[in-house]
Protein backbone atom coordinates (compact mmCIF):
# COMPACT_ATOMS: atom_id res chain seq x y z
CA MET A 1 0.03 0.10 -0.15
CA THR A 2 1.31 3.36 -1.05
CA TYR A 3 0.78 6.56 1.29
CA LEU A 4 0.92 10.03 0.02
CA ILE A 5 3.77 11.89 1.84
CA LEU A 6 3.14 15.45 2.73
CA ASN A 7 5.35 18.08 3.70
CA MET A 8 4.04 19.21 7.11
CA SER A 9 4.82 22.79 6.51
CA ILE A 10 1.99 22.96 3.72
CA ARG A 11 -1.44 23.50 4.36
CA CYS A 12 -3.77 20.35 3.82
CA GLY A 13 -6.78 21.45 2.11
CA GLY A 14 -8.70 21.94 5.74
CA LEU A 15 -7.77 18.42 6.57
CA SER A 16 -4.93 17.54 8.84
CA CYS A 17 -2.15 15.95 6.77
CA LYS A 18 -2.73 12.49 8.54
CA THR A 19 -6.19 12.62 7.48
CA ARG A 20 -5.15 13.58 3.90
CA GLU A 21 -2.78 10.57 4.34
CA VAL A 22 -5.53 7.88 5.44
CA ALA A 23 -8.03 9.70 2.84
CA MET A 24 -5.45 8.45 -0.32
CA SER A 25 -4.85 5.19 1.56
CA ARG A 26 -8.56 4.55 1.45
CA ILE A 27 -8.78 5.44 -2.24
CA GLU A 28 -5.78 3.45 -3.32
CA GLN A 29 -7.69 0.54 -1.45
CA ILE A 30 -10.73 1.28 -3.26
CA LEU A 31 -9.15 1.69 -6.46
CA SER A 32 -7.51 -1.69 -6.27
CA SER A 33 -10.94 -3.40 -5.01
CA ILE A 34 -12.18 -2.07 -8.17
CA GLU A 35 -9.69 -3.57 -10.44
CA SER A 36 -10.32 -6.95 -8.89
CA LEU A 37 -14.15 -6.92 -9.60
CA SER A 38 -15.89 -9.46 -12.09
CA ASP A 39 -17.43 -7.96 -15.07
CA GLN A 40 -20.74 -8.29 -13.60
CA GLU A 41 -19.74 -6.44 -10.62
CA PHE A 42 -17.96 -3.96 -12.48
CA ALA A 43 -21.26 -3.13 -14.26
CA LYS A 44 -23.34 -3.25 -11.31
CA LEU A 45 -20.61 -0.66 -9.70
CA ARG A 46 -20.74 1.29 -12.60
CA ASP A 47 -24.41 1.67 -12.53
CA TRP A 48 -24.25 2.67 -9.13
CA PHE A 49 -22.06 5.16 -9.69
CA ALA A 50 -23.67 6.85 -12.65
CA GLU A 51 -26.98 7.05 -10.56
CA ARG A 52 -25.16 8.64 -7.66
CA ASP A 53 -23.22 10.95 -9.87
CA TRP A 54 -26.63 12.39 -11.31
CA GLU A 55 -28.21 12.60 -7.99
CA ARG A 56 -25.56 14.84 -6.71
CA TRP A 57 -25.46 16.70 -10.26
CA ASN A 58 -29.15 17.02 -9.92
CA LYS A 59 -29.03 18.17 -6.02
CA GLN A 60 -26.27 20.80 -7.31
CA ILE A 61 -28.62 22.04 -10.20
CA GLU A 62 -31.65 22.53 -7.63
CA GLU A 63 -29.44 24.20 -5.12
CA ASP A 64 -28.05 26.70 -7.68
CA SER A 65 -31.20 27.33 -8.95
CA GLU A 66 -32.89 28.31 -5.70
CA ALA A 67 -29.87 30.41 -4.86
CA GLY A 68 -30.34 32.32 -8.06
CA LYS A 69 -27.08 31.44 -9.61
CA LEU A 70 -29.05 30.21 -12.76
CA ASP A 71 -31.05 33.21 -13.29
CA PHE A 72 -28.66 34.55 -16.05
CA LEU A 73 -29.75 31.53 -18.07
CA ILE A 74 -33.46 32.68 -17.92
CA LYS A 75 -32.50 36.25 -18.72
CA GLU A 76 -30.55 34.85 -21.63
CA ALA A 77 -33.22 32.99 -22.95
CA LEU A 78 -36.13 35.85 -22.65
CA THR A 79 -33.76 38.16 -24.37
CA GLU A 80 -33.41 35.68 -27.04
CA LYS A 81 -37.17 35.05 -27.30
CA GLU A 82 -37.79 38.90 -27.35
CA LYS A 83 -35.39 39.03 -30.39
CA ASP A 84 -37.20 35.92 -31.92
CA THR A 85 -33.69 34.47 -32.01
CA LEU A 86 -34.48 31.15 -30.43
CA LYS A 87 -33.34 28.15 -32.13
CA GLU A 88 -35.63 25.15 -32.38
CA LEU A 89 -34.56 22.11 -30.57
């Protein structure tokens, strides 16, 4: 197992350097486990991962929308509609 060696004098992204080392070790363990999966197990993991990724992305879009971060898109669409330059999908 390989550990990421960190210079203790640098900031470690809000985590203690020891925590960062453990996190990297866990990722390496996960990657190793994934490599050993059968084709059927890998397909199941891939499907689960894709669904989980979609859920996180969808949650982020909802949060951004509620926070007004996507309002510029509405303005842009309304402007294009007023100019009658919307493109048919």
